[in-house]
Protein backbone atom coordinates (compact mmCIF):
# COMPACT_ATOMS: atom_id res chain seq x y z
CA MET A 1 62.96 -138.11 -96.73
CA ASN A 2 59.94 -135.90 -97.13
CA HIS A 3 56.87 -135.94 -95.10
CA LEU A 4 53.65 -133.96 -94.75
CA GLU A 5 51.79 -133.11 -91.59
CA VAL A 6 48.17 -132.21 -91.44
CA TRP A 7 46.10 -131.28 -88.43
CA ALA A 8 42.51 -129.80 -87.93
CA PRO A 9 41.54 -128.14 -84.61
CA ASP A 10 38.41 -128.80 -82.80
CA GLY A 11 36.18 -126.14 -81.23
CA ILE A 12 35.37 -123.50 -84.04
CA PRO A 13 31.78 -122.46 -83.24
CA GLU A 14 28.95 -122.00 -85.69
CA VAL A 15 30.03 -119.08 -88.09
CA SER A 16 27.60 -116.32 -88.63
CA ALA A 17 27.59 -113.18 -91.23
CA GLY A 18 30.15 -110.71 -90.09
CA ASP A 19 32.26 -112.95 -87.99
CA ASP A 20 35.91 -112.50 -87.97
CA LEU A 21 37.36 -115.54 -89.61
CA ALA A 22 40.94 -114.98 -89.02
CA ALA A 23 40.27 -114.68 -85.26
CA LEU A 24 38.31 -117.84 -85.32
CA VAL A 25 41.15 -119.70 -86.98
CA LEU A 26 43.72 -118.40 -84.64
CA ASP A 27 41.72 -119.06 -81.43
CA ALA A 28 41.24 -122.68 -82.55
CA LEU A 29 44.73 -123.14 -83.18
CA ASP A 30 45.80 -121.46 -79.94
CA ARG A 31 43.48 -123.90 -77.92
CA ALA A 32 44.87 -126.69 -79.89
CA GLY A 33 48.24 -126.30 -78.20
CA PRO A 34 51.85 -124.82 -79.15
CA ASP A 35 52.30 -127.75 -81.67
CA ALA A 36 49.39 -126.43 -83.61
CA ALA A 37 50.64 -122.94 -84.04
CA LEU A 38 51.27 -121.57 -87.43
CA GLY A 39 54.72 -121.32 -89.02
CA ASP A 40 56.08 -119.88 -92.28
CA GLY A 41 55.49 -122.06 -95.14
CA ASP A 42 52.35 -123.75 -93.77
CA VAL A 43 48.92 -123.85 -95.81
CA VAL A 44 45.84 -122.95 -94.14
CA CYS A 45 42.73 -124.74 -95.61
CA VAL A 46 39.34 -123.29 -95.01
CA THR A 47 36.10 -124.76 -96.04
CA SER A 48 34.01 -122.62 -98.44
CA LYS A 49 31.16 -122.94 -96.32
CA VAL A 50 32.64 -120.98 -93.29
CA VAL A 51 33.95 -118.54 -95.78
CA SER A 52 30.38 -118.01 -97.18
CA LYS A 53 28.84 -117.99 -93.75
CA ALA A 54 31.31 -115.42 -92.68
CA GLU A 55 30.56 -113.25 -95.75
CA GLY A 56 26.70 -113.39 -95.56
CA ARG A 57 26.30 -115.88 -98.35
CA THR A 58 23.42 -117.96 -96.56
CA ARG A 59 19.93 -117.25 -97.34
CA VAL A 60 16.45 -118.49 -96.88
CA GLY A 61 14.74 -120.21 -99.52
CA GLU A 62 14.47 -123.29 -101.76
CA ARG A 63 17.79 -125.00 -102.87
CA ASP A 64 16.26 -125.26 -106.45
CA ALA A 65 15.63 -121.49 -106.82
CA ALA A 66 19.43 -120.91 -105.57
CA VAL A 67 20.90 -123.45 -108.09
CA GLU A 68 19.06 -121.66 -110.75
CA GLU A 69 20.55 -118.23 -109.82
CA GLU A 70 24.05 -119.62 -109.59
CA THR A 71 24.00 -121.63 -112.83
CA VAL A 72 25.40 -120.35 -116.17
CA ARG A 73 24.36 -123.57 -117.96
CA VAL A 74 23.50 -126.99 -117.39
CA VAL A 75 26.17 -129.34 -118.68
CA ALA A 76 24.41 -132.80 -117.90
CA ARG A 77 21.29 -133.84 -116.20
CA ARG A 78 20.10 -137.34 -115.01
CA GLY A 79 16.80 -137.19 -113.42
CA PRO A 80 16.89 -134.71 -110.62
CA VAL A 81 20.63 -134.54 -110.70
CA ARG A 82 22.04 -131.63 -112.60
CA ILE A 83 25.78 -130.93 -113.17
CA VAL A 84 26.04 -127.20 -114.12
CA ARG A 85 28.86 -124.57 -114.79
CA ASN A 86 28.20 -122.02 -112.26
CA ARG A 87 29.21 -118.43 -112.36
CA LEU A 88 32.67 -119.06 -111.08
CA GLY A 89 33.42 -121.34 -114.03
CA LEU A 90 33.36 -124.46 -112.02
CA THR A 91 31.43 -127.64 -113.18
CA MET A 92 29.69 -128.90 -110.12
CA ALA A 93 26.56 -130.73 -108.88
CA ALA A 94 23.86 -128.30 -107.86
CA ALA A 95 26.24 -125.27 -108.75
CA GLY A 96 27.87 -125.74 -105.45
CA VAL A 97 24.73 -124.60 -103.41
CA ASP A 98 24.59 -126.45 -100.28
CA ALA A 99 21.88 -127.21 -97.88
CA SER A 100 23.78 -129.23 -95.16
CA ASN A 101 25.06 -127.90 -91.78
CA VAL A 102 22.85 -124.87 -92.14
CA THR A 103 19.45 -123.87 -90.61
CA ALA A 104 16.36 -125.89 -91.99
CA GLY A 105 14.94 -123.82 -94.90
CA SER A 106 18.35 -122.20 -95.78
CA VAL A 107 21.02 -122.68 -98.21
CA VAL A 108 24.61 -121.60 -98.51
CA LEU A 109 25.97 -120.30 -101.71
CA LEU A 110 29.74 -120.28 -102.54
CA PRO A 111 31.63 -117.14 -102.11
CA LEU A 112 31.25 -114.36 -104.54
CA ASP A 113 35.10 -114.31 -105.18
CA PRO A 114 36.91 -117.25 -103.40
CA ASP A 115 40.42 -116.14 -104.37
CA ALA A 116 39.68 -112.74 -103.07
CA SER A 117 38.52 -114.36 -99.81
CA ALA A 118 41.58 -116.44 -99.64
CA ARG A 119 43.80 -113.24 -100.17
CA SER A 120 42.04 -111.35 -97.43
CA LEU A 121 42.34 -114.19 -94.77
CA ARG A 122 46.02 -114.55 -95.72
CA ARG A 123 46.76 -110.95 -95.10
CA GLU A 124 44.96 -110.91 -91.78
CA LEU A 125 46.85 -113.89 -90.63
CA LEU A 126 50.12 -112.25 -91.63
CA ARG A 127 49.13 -109.03 -89.89
CA ARG A 128 48.20 -110.67 -86.64
CA THR A 129 50.92 -113.15 -86.35
CA GLY A 130 53.89 -112.16 -88.68
CA THR A 131 53.84 -115.54 -90.10
CA ASN A 132 53.82 -116.14 -93.87
CA VAL A 133 51.14 -118.71 -94.88
CA ALA A 134 49.20 -119.62 -98.00
CA VAL A 135 45.50 -119.95 -97.74
CA VAL A 136 43.17 -122.26 -99.76
CA VAL A 137 39.38 -122.10 -99.73
CA THR A 138 38.14 -125.66 -100.33
CA ASP A 139 35.07 -127.27 -101.50
CA THR A 140 33.67 -130.94 -102.23
CA SER A 141 33.37 -132.02 -105.88
CA GLY A 142 32.67 -135.24 -107.80
CA ARG A 143 34.73 -136.24 -110.52
CA ALA A 144 34.20 -137.54 -114.05
CA TRP A 145 34.68 -141.29 -114.53
CA ARG A 146 35.10 -141.76 -110.73
CA GLU A 147 32.54 -142.58 -107.91
CA GLY A 148 32.75 -140.51 -104.69
CA GLN A 149 33.93 -136.83 -104.01
CA THR A 150 36.99 -135.08 -102.79
CA ASP A 151 37.78 -131.62 -101.78
CA ILE A 152 39.30 -129.17 -104.39
CA ALA A 153 40.74 -125.61 -104.09
CA ILE A 154 38.10 -123.12 -105.21
CA GLY A 155 40.11 -120.16 -103.87
CA ALA A 156 44.02 -119.72 -103.23
CA ALA A 157 46.13 -117.17 -102.24
CA GLY A 158 50.04 -117.34 -101.69
CA LEU A 159 50.37 -120.59 -103.20
CA LEU A 160 51.59 -121.94 -106.63
CA VAL A 161 48.46 -123.68 -107.47
CA ALA A 162 49.94 -125.96 -110.09
CA GLU A 163 53.52 -127.33 -110.81
CA ASP A 164 54.37 -127.30 -114.47
CA PHE A 165 56.63 -130.13 -115.44
CA ALA A 166 56.41 -129.68 -119.18
CA GLY A 167 59.88 -129.61 -120.69
CA ARG A 168 61.42 -131.49 -118.05
CA THR A 169 62.51 -135.14 -118.16
CA ASP A 170 61.94 -138.09 -115.89
CA PRO A 171 64.69 -140.14 -114.34
CA HIS A 172 64.89 -142.38 -117.57
CA GLY A 173 65.26 -139.36 -119.64
CA ASN A 174 61.80 -139.43 -120.98
CA PRO A 175 60.56 -135.78 -121.74
CA LEU A 176 57.24 -134.70 -119.91
CA ALA A 177 54.96 -132.81 -122.01
CA VAL A 178 51.80 -132.02 -120.32
CA THR A 179 52.45 -132.98 -116.61
CA LEU A 180 50.85 -130.50 -114.46
CA PRO A 181 50.05 -131.68 -110.88
CA ALA A 182 47.25 -129.43 -109.41
CA VAL A 183 48.89 -129.18 -106.09
CA ALA A 184 46.31 -126.87 -104.53
CA ASP A 185 43.61 -129.56 -105.18
CA GLU A 186 45.87 -132.07 -103.64
CA ILE A 187 46.52 -130.00 -100.54
CA ALA A 188 42.65 -129.57 -100.33
CA GLY A 189 42.20 -133.31 -100.40
CA ALA A 190 44.79 -133.97 -97.69
CA ALA A 191 43.24 -131.19 -95.43
CA GLU A 192 39.78 -132.98 -95.81
CA LEU A 193 41.26 -136.15 -94.58
CA ALA A 194 42.12 -134.47 -91.18
CA GLN A 195 38.84 -132.31 -91.09
CA GLY A 196 36.25 -135.14 -91.75
CA LYS A 197 32.75 -134.31 -93.14
CA LEU A 198 30.91 -134.44 -89.90
CA ALA A 199 33.40 -133.60 -87.18
CA GLY A 200 32.70 -129.80 -87.23
CA ARG A 201 36.49 -129.04 -88.19
CA PRO A 202 36.23 -126.76 -91.09
CA VAL A 203 39.91 -125.72 -90.73
CA ALA A 204 42.98 -127.52 -91.47
CA VAL A 205 46.78 -126.70 -91.58
CA VAL A 206 49.16 -128.49 -94.13
CA ARG A 207 52.85 -128.48 -93.51
CA GLY A 208 55.73 -129.84 -95.47
CA ARG A 209 55.16 -127.86 -98.87
CA ALA A 210 56.73 -124.66 -98.15
CA ASP A 211 58.29 -124.62 -101.58
CA LEU A 212 54.87 -123.86 -102.88
CA VAL A 213 54.29 -120.98 -100.62
CA LEU A 214 54.98 -117.39 -102.07
CA PRO A 215 56.55 -114.63 -100.20
CA PRO A 216 54.29 -111.95 -98.53
CA GLY A 217 52.74 -109.67 -101.01
CA GLU A 218 52.82 -112.15 -103.73
CA ASP A 219 49.43 -114.00 -104.05
CA GLY A 220 49.82 -115.93 -107.34
CA PRO A 221 47.40 -116.76 -110.00
CA GLY A 222 44.59 -118.00 -107.49
CA ALA A 223 42.65 -121.13 -107.94
CA VAL A 224 40.64 -119.55 -110.83
CA SER A 225 43.73 -120.36 -112.95
CA LEU A 226 42.80 -124.09 -112.70
CA VAL A 227 39.31 -123.39 -114.30
CA ARG A 228 39.41 -124.32 -118.00
CA PRO A 229 37.66 -121.70 -120.25
CA ASP A 230 34.34 -122.82 -121.71
CA GLY A 231 35.29 -124.58 -124.85
CA GLY A 232 38.58 -125.78 -123.52
CA ASP A 233 37.13 -128.70 -121.70
CA LEU A 234 36.80 -131.86 -123.88
CA PHE A 235 33.56 -132.66 -121.93
CA GLY A 236 31.74 -129.41 -122.28
CA TRP A 237 28.31 -131.30 -122.70
CA GLY A 238 27.08 -134.41 -120.95
CA ALA A 239 26.71 -137.39 -123.56
CA ARG A 240 22.89 -136.96 -124.02
CA GLU A 241 23.22 -133.24 -123.95
CA ALA A 242 25.75 -132.86 -126.55
CA VAL A 243 23.60 -135.06 -129.04
CA VAL A 244 20.54 -132.87 -128.23
CA ARG A 245 22.46 -129.42 -128.55
CA ALA A 246 24.16 -130.50 -131.74
CA LEU A 247 20.89 -131.50 -133.47
CA ALA A 248 19.17 -128.33 -132.29
CA GLY A 249 22.03 -126.08 -133.73
CA ASP A 250 21.31 -123.14 -131.32
CA GLU A 251 24.09 -120.68 -131.99
CA SER A 252 24.27 -120.15 -128.18
CA ASP A 253 25.20 -123.51 -127.58
CA ARG A 254 28.43 -123.54 -129.54
CA ALA A 255 30.90 -122.42 -127.04
CA PRO A 256 31.12 -125.91 -125.15
CA PHE A 257 31.96 -127.76 -128.35
CA GLY A 258 35.18 -125.77 -128.61
CA ALA A 259 37.14 -124.36 -131.46
CA PRO A 260 36.59 -125.28 -135.04
CA ALA A 261 38.05 -128.79 -135.72
CA PRO A 262 40.47 -129.43 -138.68
CA PRO A 263 38.47 -130.29 -141.82
CA GLU A 264 39.91 -133.69 -141.95
CA GLU A 265 38.17 -134.54 -138.53
CA VAL A 266 34.73 -133.40 -140.06
CA HIS A 267 35.35 -135.54 -142.98
CA GLU A 268 36.10 -138.53 -140.67
CA ALA A 269 33.06 -137.90 -138.51
CA LEU A 270 30.91 -137.56 -141.55
CA SER A 271 32.32 -140.68 -143.01
CA ARG A 272 31.04 -142.59 -139.88
CA VAL A 273 27.48 -141.01 -140.13
CA VAL A 274 26.80 -140.84 -143.68
CA GLY A 275 28.57 -143.83 -144.64
CA ALA A 276 27.25 -146.08 -141.62
CA GLY A 277 30.61 -146.64 -140.50
CA ARG A 278 32.32 -147.04 -143.87
CA ALA A 279 35.03 -144.69 -145.22
CA LEU A 280 33.62 -142.51 -147.92
CA SER A 281 36.55 -141.75 -150.07
CA SER A 282 34.37 -142.06 -153.26
CA ALA A 283 30.97 -141.12 -151.97
CA LEU A 284 32.13 -138.09 -149.91
CA MET A 285 34.72 -135.52 -151.04
CA LEU A 286 36.06 -132.82 -148.98
CA ARG A 287 37.91 -129.84 -150.68
CA VAL A 288 39.77 -127.05 -148.87
CA ASP A 289 40.58 -124.12 -150.99
CA ASP A 290 43.65 -121.95 -150.22
CA ASP A 291 41.11 -119.84 -148.16
CA PRO A 292 40.62 -122.12 -144.90
CA GLY A 293 37.28 -120.34 -144.30
CA ARG A 294 36.12 -122.15 -147.57
CA VAL A 295 35.30 -125.84 -147.39
CA GLU A 296 33.15 -127.88 -149.65
CA LEU A 297 31.49 -131.35 -148.84
CA HIS A 298 30.40 -133.41 -151.55
CA LEU A 299 27.60 -135.72 -150.53
CA PRO A 300 25.40 -138.33 -151.97
CA ALA A 301 22.16 -136.87 -153.00
CA GLY A 302 20.13 -138.63 -150.46
CA SER A 303 22.35 -137.65 -147.49
CA ASP A 304 20.62 -136.75 -144.33
CA ARG A 305 20.94 -132.94 -144.04
CA GLY A 306 20.00 -132.84 -140.46
CA ALA A 307 22.70 -135.39 -139.61
CA VAL A 308 25.25 -133.46 -141.56
CA ALA A 309 24.36 -130.18 -139.99
CA ALA A 310 24.54 -131.72 -136.36
CA VAL A 311 28.04 -133.06 -137.01
CA CYS A 312 29.29 -129.89 -138.39
CA PHE A 313 27.77 -127.89 -135.71
CA ALA A 314 29.57 -130.11 -133.13
CA HIS A 315 32.85 -129.77 -134.84
CA GLY A 316 32.56 -125.89 -134.88
CA TRP A 317 31.52 -125.25 -138.36
CA ARG A 318 28.87 -123.40 -139.82
CA ILE A 319 26.57 -124.44 -143.04
CA ALA A 320 26.62 -121.41 -145.32
CA GLY A 321 24.58 -123.25 -148.11
CA TRP A 322 23.73 -126.08 -150.30
CA GLU A 323 23.44 -126.77 -153.82
CA THR A 324 22.66 -129.93 -155.92
CA THR A 325 25.05 -130.89 -158.82
CA GLY A 326 23.76 -134.07 -160.65
CA SER A 327 23.86 -137.01 -158.21
CA ARG A 328 25.57 -135.20 -155.37
CA VAL A 329 24.74 -132.45 -153.06
CA VAL A 330 27.44 -129.73 -152.15
CA CYS A 331 27.49 -128.48 -148.84
CA HIS A 332 29.39 -125.13 -148.37
CA LEU A 333 30.98 -124.63 -144.71
CA SER A 334 32.61 -122.02 -142.78
CA PRO A 335 34.20 -121.96 -139.34
CA ALA A 336 31.79 -120.83 -136.64
CA THR A 337 34.24 -118.20 -135.39
CA THR A 338 34.24 -116.31 -138.44
């Protein structure tokens, strides 16, 4: 039998710039009694907000201005709601800028380097207690396709943040190809259940997964390893934004669409667009020479060149030129990475 324990102590005061976060954590656990004391293999979860406050990441000003500053690019927009990719590579509402539980007229930004914050707190807890724990810095995030929010790990130290089951088999002998539980996020969600949103408990301890905790001096890859690179996510743009970006064809918008798709995928997509849903085996021909960087699309003369260009752009291909031969138009393509 396996079980998990989670507790979140009361009594942590308002955190200000320069406060000793390790001392605040240990004082709160000490006041909670001997049963709350840290043990080897525990995971200490701390909200990003108190980390940011201790690191002086609170500022006076409008939230919108802070969001602009923290945003690398807007992924999707619906009215006033902006989902953005922020400077940490996280895709979040309002870039993770928070205006709650802070003095009116002020906002809290995410830590500059959450993994470094986790490493620092882990070292201090080890130095002061001699106890080997992992540390997770948590933040609240929404999920695509799901209502509501949950806490995730945006910083981690001393923890295997994901368990790779690829290459293993299940009890029925079936191979596991891409199973990769993000255990750091699961631990962050478990901690939030004990902390609550309005209870003033920004710290929680999770016990029962010591197998994920690394030895002292080994901090692991950090939560940054869970962030997909720009272009590695299948949903780099929102639905509306993807259409607009592809039609506009700005070179700076290419990265979120990912690496060039195989020419066969371009052919299939153009069959739907140029052929109004019909396969174009006779009306559209695609020829790939021995050189993978040379592709020709043979299109009907009346094809919408703007639509063709948008489809090619979205699939990672660049139009090198057009020429007319009889009743057909030939479109020359090259991969956008060349």
